Amino acid sequence: MASALALSACSGDAPPPAPPPPDVSVVRVAPSQMAVADELPGRVVAFRVAEIRPQVNGVIQRRLFEQGTEVRAGQPLFQINPAPFRADTNSAAAAVQRAQAALARANLQEKRLAPLVKADAVSGQDYDDVVATRDQAAADLAASRADLARRQVDLGFATVRSPISGRIDQAVFTEGALASMTSEQPLATVQQIDRVYVDVRQPAARLEMLREAARAGTAAQGAPVEIVSSDGRALAVKGRLLFSGISVDPSTGEVVARVEVPNADRALLPGMFVRARLPRLAIPDALTVPEQAVQRDPSGKASVSVVGKDGKVAPRSVETGDTRDGKVIVTSGLKAGETVIVEGQDRVRPGAVVKAQPWRGAAPAQR
């Protein structure tokens, strides 16, 4: 009985077994190439726009295209009544023939009098008059030919053609309407959209940042510009940055950056609003951690929890830069090869021993 009591007393004094170390998800920090981009709103603009306007006045007889279809350069679009212009052309052609006959007669007279004036059979004044008449006839023929060419141009303008290839909008004028050169409204509009521009507004301060990055050799020059639809869906096309505007909008403090985008499938239409990711920096050896790994205090200072070689947790103050696809660039405070807690840091205290498990987070969605 005494032995049993002694054993009972010993078991009551033994400490309880230590709890197992908590599981945390970690990642190992490794340098990687990181491209930093600014996602900004933009508006789609047609590559070329041609307003179809008549160059002669007349009544429209026919519309020669289907509205909303693709047209090619030089394709007839409208037919203006050509009868008045054809009549003017025929009249000008007759004037040319008359001038040719007058010039031929003047040349014959000059040839007849040329030997006579040398033999003093006619006066020099008569010969000079014939020469002047011949020169006047030649000038009249040149003027008649120029008038005929002009009349032929007007006759050609009676058929209104497309100056560019592209997609044509609806026809504003129909058969029987009067086409006037002074009308403010075009007959139709053709827009080339197999390539389009995306005009992006960005703060003027970004221009100086781009210049500094270019001087430092960290700018992502020549990198493609990603185009994102208004609903956040990344499109299958990428453009290239052409230029940035040289004037700043005084009301907004922004400048316009123009991006050229291929649009073979006509997915981008003029007037659409999209978002463009303009490349700003290319960092060849950036240290990044998932966004979940970064904690911030009320003052905004960032920190992460680092697991040492002994398995203990230690807080670490860091400085962060841009965020890209769910990853935060750490500019200082971390070294390559260190282990950072991504999930579970709220369950451990500094100095605690943890059981590190590789983080298997889902790939971040494209923004």
Protein backbone atom coordinates (compact mmCIF):
# COMPACT_ATOMS: atom_id res chain seq x y z
CA MET A 1 0.00 0.00 0.00
CA ALA A 2 2.87 2.36 0.81
CA SER A 3 4.42 1.61 -2.57
CA ALA A 4 1.18 2.43 -4.33
CA LEU A 5 0.90 5.74 -2.50
CA ALA A 6 4.48 6.61 -3.43
CA LEU A 7 3.90 5.87 -7.10
CA SER A 8 0.72 7.96 -7.03
CA ALA A 9 2.60 10.91 -5.54
CA CYS A 10 5.37 10.68 -8.15
CA SER A 11 2.91 10.65 -11.08
CA GLY A 12 1.18 13.77 -9.78
CA ASP A 13 4.42 15.76 -9.73
CA ALA A 14 5.44 14.93 -13.42
CA PRO A 15 4.96 17.90 -15.88
CA PRO A 16 2.48 17.44 -18.78
CA PRO A 17 4.03 16.61 -22.19
CA ALA A 18 4.94 19.68 -24.31
CA PRO A 19 2.54 20.46 -27.18
CA PRO A 20 3.87 19.81 -30.67
CA PRO A 21 5.21 22.86 -32.53
CA PRO A 22 2.54 24.59 -34.64
CA ASP A 23 2.50 24.07 -38.37
CA VAL A 24 3.18 27.10 -40.55
CA SER A 25 3.45 27.52 -44.32
CA VAL A 26 6.70 29.04 -45.51
CA VAL A 27 8.51 30.04 -48.67
CA ARG A 28 12.23 30.34 -49.28
CA VAL A 29 13.20 33.74 -50.63
CA ALA A 30 15.01 33.50 -53.96
CA PRO A 31 15.95 36.23 -56.44
CA SER A 32 13.96 36.29 -59.67
CA GLN A 33 13.37 38.61 -62.58
CA MET A 34 10.47 40.95 -61.94
CA ALA A 35 8.79 43.36 -64.33
CA VAL A 36 6.94 46.22 -62.70
CA ALA A 37 4.05 47.75 -64.62
CA ASP A 38 1.43 50.41 -64.02
CA GLU A 39 -2.13 49.37 -64.83
CA LEU A 40 -3.92 52.45 -66.13
CA PRO A 41 -7.24 53.08 -67.88
CA GLY A 42 -7.20 53.70 -71.62
CA ARG A 43 -9.52 54.27 -74.56
CA VAL A 44 -9.39 52.49 -77.92
CA VAL A 45 -8.86 54.73 -80.97
CA ALA A 46 -9.01 53.63 -84.61
CA PHE A 47 -5.66 53.38 -86.40
CA ARG A 48 -6.97 55.55 -89.25
CA VAL A 49 -10.29 57.32 -89.75
CA ALA A 50 -11.58 58.59 -93.09
CA GLU A 51 -14.72 60.68 -93.39
CA ILE A 52 -16.30 60.03 -96.78
CA ARG A 53 -17.14 63.44 -98.23
CA PRO A 54 -18.18 64.35 -101.80
CA GLN A 55 -15.81 66.46 -103.89
CA VAL A 56 -18.56 67.49 -106.32
CA ASN A 57 -22.16 68.52 -105.79
CA GLY A 58 -24.92 66.27 -107.06
CA VAL A 59 -27.76 63.88 -106.33
CA ILE A 60 -26.86 60.43 -105.00
CA GLN A 61 -28.11 57.72 -107.33
CA ARG A 62 -26.84 54.56 -105.60
CA ARG A 63 -25.20 53.30 -102.42
CA LEU A 64 -22.62 50.68 -103.40
CA PHE A 65 -21.71 49.04 -100.06
CA GLU A 66 -23.22 47.07 -97.22
CA GLN A 67 -23.28 48.98 -93.97
CA GLY A 68 -20.96 47.68 -91.25
CA THR A 69 -18.81 45.61 -93.63
CA GLU A 70 -15.14 45.73 -94.58
CA VAL A 71 -14.28 47.88 -97.59
CA ARG A 72 -10.98 48.15 -99.45
CA ALA A 73 -9.11 51.24 -100.55
CA GLY A 74 -10.48 52.54 -103.86
CA GLN A 75 -13.78 50.67 -103.58
CA PRO A 76 -16.81 52.65 -104.92
CA LEU A 77 -19.16 53.66 -102.11
CA PHE A 78 -21.62 56.16 -103.61
CA GLN A 79 -22.60 57.06 -107.16
CA ILE A 80 -23.53 60.67 -107.76
CA ASN A 81 -25.47 61.44 -110.95
CA PRO A 82 -22.66 61.71 -113.53
CA ALA A 83 -24.73 63.17 -116.41
CA PRO A 84 -23.85 66.87 -115.82
CA PHE A 85 -20.15 66.06 -115.44
CA ARG A 86 -20.14 63.86 -118.53
CA ALA A 87 -21.70 66.68 -120.53
CA ASP A 88 -19.07 69.13 -119.27
CA THR A 89 -16.37 66.64 -120.20
CA ASN A 90 -17.70 66.25 -123.74
CA SER A 91 -17.89 70.05 -124.11
CA ALA A 92 -14.29 70.41 -122.93
CA ALA A 93 -13.18 67.68 -125.34
CA ALA A 94 -14.82 69.58 -128.21
CA ALA A 95 -13.01 72.73 -127.12
CA VAL A 96 -9.73 70.83 -127.30
CA GLN A 97 -10.49 69.72 -130.83
CA ARG A 98 -11.33 73.29 -131.83
CA ALA A 99 -8.09 74.57 -130.33
CA GLN A 100 -6.14 71.87 -132.14
CA ALA A 101 -7.67 72.92 -135.46
CA ALA A 102 -6.83 76.58 -134.81
CA LEU A 103 -3.25 75.69 -133.94
CA ALA A 104 -2.88 73.57 -137.07
CA ARG A 105 -4.15 76.45 -139.24
CA ALA A 106 -1.77 78.89 -137.54
CA ASN A 107 1.17 76.55 -138.11
CA LEU A 108 0.38 76.31 -141.84
CA GLN A 109 0.22 80.08 -142.16
CA GLU A 110 3.54 80.47 -140.36
CA LYS A 111 5.19 77.90 -142.67
CA ARG A 112 3.86 79.66 -145.78
CA LEU A 113 5.06 83.09 -144.75
CA ALA A 114 8.47 82.01 -143.43
CA PRO A 115 10.16 81.80 -146.90
CA LEU A 116 8.28 84.86 -148.19
CA VAL A 117 9.52 87.10 -145.40
CA LYS A 118 13.10 86.07 -146.17
CA ALA A 119 12.54 87.10 -149.82
CA ASP A 120 10.92 90.39 -148.71
CA ALA A 121 7.68 89.28 -150.42
CA VAL A 122 5.69 90.08 -147.24
CA SER A 123 6.34 92.54 -144.50
CA GLY A 124 7.90 91.55 -141.24
CA GLN A 125 4.82 92.84 -139.42
CA ASP A 126 2.56 90.36 -141.19
CA TYR A 127 4.90 87.52 -140.32
CA ASP A 128 5.06 88.61 -136.67
CA ASP A 129 1.26 88.65 -136.52
CA VAL A 130 1.10 85.09 -137.84
CA VAL A 131 3.67 83.90 -135.30
CA ALA A 132 1.73 85.59 -132.49
CA THR A 133 -1.48 83.96 -133.72
CA ARG A 134 0.25 80.56 -133.72
CA ASP A 135 1.53 81.04 -130.16
CA GLN A 136 -1.91 82.15 -129.01
CA ALA A 137 -3.45 79.05 -130.56
CA ALA A 138 -0.92 76.85 -128.75
CA ALA A 139 -1.78 78.55 -125.44
CA ASP A 140 -5.52 78.11 -126.12
CA LEU A 141 -4.94 74.40 -126.78
CA ALA A 142 -3.05 74.01 -123.49
CA ALA A 143 -5.85 75.78 -121.61
CA SER A 144 -8.48 73.60 -123.29
CA ARG A 145 -6.61 70.45 -122.36
CA ALA A 146 -6.29 71.60 -118.75
CA ASP A 147 -10.04 72.31 -118.64
CA LEU A 148 -10.74 68.85 -120.09
CA ALA A 149 -8.54 67.25 -117.44
CA ARG A 150 -10.42 69.13 -114.74
CA ARG A 151 -13.78 68.03 -116.16
CA GLN A 152 -12.57 64.45 -116.27
CA VAL A 153 -11.53 64.70 -112.61
CA ASP A 154 -15.01 65.96 -111.71
CA LEU A 155 -16.53 63.08 -113.65
CA GLY A 156 -14.35 60.68 -111.68
CA PHE A 157 -15.40 62.34 -108.42
CA ALA A 158 -19.00 61.47 -109.25
CA THR A 159 -18.06 57.97 -108.07
CA VAL A 160 -17.19 58.40 -104.37
CA ARG A 161 -14.51 55.87 -103.36
CA SER A 162 -13.01 54.81 -100.06
CA PRO A 163 -9.54 56.32 -99.46
CA ILE A 164 -8.54 53.57 -97.00
CA SER A 165 -9.32 49.96 -96.20
CA GLY A 166 -11.38 49.37 -93.09
CA ARG A 167 -14.85 48.90 -91.68
CA ILE A 168 -17.52 51.33 -92.81
CA ASP A 169 -20.26 52.60 -90.52
CA GLN A 170 -23.85 53.21 -91.43
CA ALA A 171 -24.65 55.48 -94.36
CA VAL A 172 -25.88 58.90 -93.30
CA PHE A 173 -27.22 59.78 -96.77
CA THR A 174 -29.41 57.60 -98.97
CA GLU A 175 -30.38 57.57 -102.62
CA GLY A 176 -31.98 60.80 -103.75
CA ALA A 177 -30.16 62.95 -101.20
CA LEU A 178 -28.11 65.92 -102.31
CA ALA A 179 -24.38 65.46 -101.78
CA SER A 180 -22.76 68.82 -101.09
CA MET A 181 -19.10 69.67 -100.69
CA THR A 182 -19.98 72.25 -98.01
CA SER A 183 -22.02 69.87 -95.85
CA GLU A 184 -20.74 69.48 -92.30
CA GLN A 185 -21.89 65.85 -92.15
CA PRO A 186 -19.95 63.16 -94.05
CA LEU A 187 -21.69 60.60 -96.23
CA ALA A 188 -20.19 57.78 -94.10
CA THR A 189 -17.08 56.99 -92.07
CA VAL A 190 -14.45 54.29 -92.65
CA GLN A 191 -12.21 53.21 -89.76
CA GLN A 192 -9.16 50.98 -90.03
CA ILE A 193 -9.24 48.71 -86.98
CA ASP A 194 -6.98 45.79 -87.92
CA ARG A 195 -4.58 47.81 -85.78
CA VAL A 196 -5.76 50.23 -83.11
CA TYR A 197 -4.33 52.70 -80.66
CA VAL A 198 -4.97 52.66 -76.93
CA ASP A 199 -4.58 56.14 -75.46
CA VAL A 200 -3.63 55.84 -71.79
CA ARG A 201 -3.63 58.72 -69.37
CA GLN A 202 -0.89 58.62 -66.77
CA PRO A 203 0.37 61.07 -64.14
CA ALA A 204 3.01 63.45 -65.41
CA ALA A 205 5.29 62.40 -62.52
CA ARG A 206 5.60 58.97 -64.15
CA LEU A 207 7.49 60.48 -67.05
CA GLU A 208 10.33 61.59 -64.81
CA MET A 209 10.41 58.16 -63.17
CA LEU A 210 10.68 56.52 -66.59
CA ARG A 211 13.51 58.87 -67.56
CA GLU A 212 15.40 58.10 -64.36
CA ALA A 213 14.87 54.35 -64.84
CA ALA A 214 16.09 54.60 -68.43
CA ARG A 215 19.24 56.45 -67.30
CA ALA A 216 19.83 53.82 -64.62
CA GLY A 217 19.31 50.99 -67.09
CA THR A 218 16.37 49.48 -65.18
CA ALA A 219 13.58 50.56 -67.49
CA ALA A 220 11.73 47.80 -69.30
CA GLN A 221 12.36 49.28 -72.71
CA GLY A 222 10.74 47.40 -75.56
CA ALA A 223 8.67 45.27 -73.20
CA PRO A 224 5.16 44.50 -74.49
CA VAL A 225 2.16 46.30 -73.06
CA GLU A 226 -0.58 43.99 -71.82
CA ILE A 227 -4.17 44.96 -72.58
CA VAL A 228 -6.87 44.12 -70.03
CA SER A 229 -10.59 44.36 -70.71
CA SER A 230 -12.85 46.48 -68.54
CA ASP A 231 -13.98 43.38 -66.61
CA GLY A 232 -10.37 42.52 -65.65
CA ARG A 233 -9.85 39.79 -68.25
CA ALA A 234 -6.42 39.82 -69.88
CA LEU A 235 -6.75 39.83 -73.67
CA ALA A 236 -4.67 37.67 -75.99
CA VAL A 237 -3.00 40.67 -77.62
CA LYS A 238 -0.06 42.78 -76.56
CA GLY A 239 0.86 46.22 -77.83
CA ARG A 240 3.92 48.41 -77.84
CA LEU A 241 4.35 51.85 -76.37
CA LEU A 242 4.82 54.49 -79.07
CA PHE A 243 5.23 57.77 -77.21
CA SER A 244 4.05 59.92 -74.35
CA GLY A 245 2.47 63.28 -74.84
CA ILE A 246 4.55 66.41 -74.44
CA SER A 247 1.82 68.57 -72.91
CA VAL A 248 0.23 68.14 -69.49
CA ASP A 249 -3.50 68.53 -68.98
CA PRO A 250 -3.69 71.43 -66.50
CA SER A 251 -6.97 70.18 -65.01
CA THR A 252 -5.77 66.65 -64.22
CA GLY A 253 -1.96 66.83 -64.33
CA GLU A 254 -1.85 63.87 -66.73
CA VAL A 255 -0.26 63.13 -70.09
CA VAL A 256 -1.36 60.70 -72.79
CA ALA A 257 0.68 57.61 -73.65
CA ARG A 258 -0.24 55.95 -76.98
CA VAL A 259 0.02 52.18 -77.40
CA GLU A 260 -0.26 50.44 -80.78
CA VAL A 261 -2.12 47.11 -80.54
CA PRO A 262 -2.73 44.49 -83.28
CA ASN A 263 -6.43 43.76 -83.66
CA ALA A 264 -6.78 41.10 -86.34
CA ASP A 265 -9.94 39.62 -84.80
CA ARG A 266 -11.55 43.08 -84.35
CA ALA A 267 -12.05 42.43 -80.63
CA LEU A 268 -11.16 46.03 -79.78
CA LEU A 269 -13.56 48.61 -81.18
CA PRO A 270 -13.07 52.39 -81.24
CA GLY A 271 -14.44 54.02 -78.12
CA MET A 272 -14.02 50.98 -75.86
CA PHE A 273 -12.49 51.50 -72.43
CA VAL A 274 -9.73 49.06 -71.45
CA ARG A 275 -6.77 48.96 -69.09
CA ALA A 276 -3.14 48.81 -70.15
CA ARG A 277 -0.18 47.59 -68.12
CA LEU A 278 2.62 49.96 -69.02
CA PRO A 279 6.06 48.52 -68.22
CA ARG A 280 8.03 50.75 -65.87
CA LEU A 281 10.89 48.73 -64.36
CA ALA A 282 12.67 45.45 -65.03
CA ILE A 283 14.49 44.15 -61.92
CA PRO A 284 16.73 41.17 -62.76
CA ASP A 285 17.23 39.89 -59.17
CA ALA A 286 14.22 41.03 -57.18
CA LEU A 287 13.39 39.44 -53.82
CA THR A 288 9.65 38.83 -53.56
CA VAL A 289 7.27 37.32 -51.00
CA PRO A 290 3.53 36.61 -51.23
CA GLU A 291 1.29 39.43 -50.11
CA GLN A 292 0.01 37.29 -47.21
CA ALA A 293 3.49 37.18 -45.72
CA VAL A 294 3.68 40.94 -45.16
CA GLN A 295 2.15 42.39 -42.01
CA ARG A 296 1.73 46.08 -41.33
CA ASP A 297 1.30 47.94 -38.07
CA PRO A 298 -1.07 50.91 -37.65
CA SER A 299 1.66 53.28 -38.80
CA GLY A 300 2.06 51.36 -42.06
CA LYS A 301 5.49 49.83 -41.34
CA ALA A 302 5.91 46.40 -42.92
CA SER A 303 7.35 43.28 -41.31
CA VAL A 304 7.61 39.54 -41.96
CA SER A 305 8.16 36.50 -39.76
CA VAL A 306 11.40 34.65 -40.53
CA VAL A 307 12.09 31.06 -39.49
CA GLY A 308 15.73 30.58 -38.53
CA LYS A 309 17.87 27.46 -38.92
CA ASP A 310 16.93 26.45 -35.35
CA GLY A 311 13.24 26.51 -36.29
CA LYS A 312 12.48 29.58 -34.19
CA VAL A 313 10.43 32.52 -35.37
CA ALA A 314 11.89 36.02 -35.48
CA PRO A 315 10.12 39.19 -36.67
CA ARG A 316 11.92 41.20 -39.30
CA SER A 317 11.21 44.77 -40.40
CA VAL A 318 11.32 45.17 -44.18
CA GLU A 319 10.83 47.83 -46.81
CA THR A 320 8.58 46.99 -49.71
CA GLY A 321 8.16 48.23 -53.25
CA ASP A 322 5.61 47.46 -55.94
CA THR A 323 3.17 44.56 -55.97
CA ARG A 324 2.83 42.38 -59.04
CA ASP A 325 0.56 39.32 -59.46
CA GLY A 326 0.21 38.78 -55.74
CA LYS A 327 3.91 39.21 -54.95
CA VAL A 328 5.48 42.07 -53.03
CA ILE A 329 8.98 43.26 -53.89
CA VAL A 330 11.13 43.52 -50.75
CA THR A 331 13.73 46.23 -51.26
CA SER A 332 15.53 45.77 -47.92
CA GLY A 333 15.38 43.65 -44.78
CA LEU A 334 15.62 40.18 -46.37
CA LYS A 335 18.36 38.09 -47.93
CA ALA A 336 18.18 35.37 -50.51
CA GLY A 337 17.78 31.92 -48.95
CA GLU A 338 15.87 33.03 -45.85
CA THR A 339 12.58 31.32 -44.93
CA VAL A 340 9.49 33.50 -44.48
CA ILE A 341 6.14 32.46 -43.00
CA VAL A 342 3.22 32.97 -45.38
CA GLU A 343 0.38 31.41 -43.39
CA GLY A 344 0.14 30.80 -39.65
CA GLN A 345 2.28 33.69 -38.38
CA ASP A 346 -0.68 34.94 -36.33
CA ARG A 347 -0.60 31.72 -34.26
CA VAL A 348 3.02 31.93 -33.13
CA ARG A 349 5.04 34.29 -31.00
CA PRO A 350 8.61 35.53 -31.54
CA GLY A 351 11.08 32.88 -30.40
CA ALA A 352 8.61 30.01 -30.72
CA VAL A 353 9.64 26.82 -32.48
CA VAL A 354 7.47 25.96 -35.48
CA LYS A 355 7.11 23.12 -37.92
CA ALA A 356 7.66 24.61 -41.38
CA GLN A 357 5.70 23.25 -44.31
CA PRO A 358 6.12 24.41 -47.93
CA TRP A 359 3.45 26.92 -48.88
CA ARG A 360 1.17 25.62 -51.58
CA GLY A 361 -0.81 28.74 -52.29
CA ALA A 362 -2.92 29.02 -55.44
CA ALA A 363 -1.52 30.99 -58.35
CA PRO A 364 -2.74 34.59 -58.05
CA ALA A 365 -5.33 35.74 -60.48
CA GLN A 366 -4.27 38.14 -63.16
CA ARG A 367 -5.35 41.65 -62.29
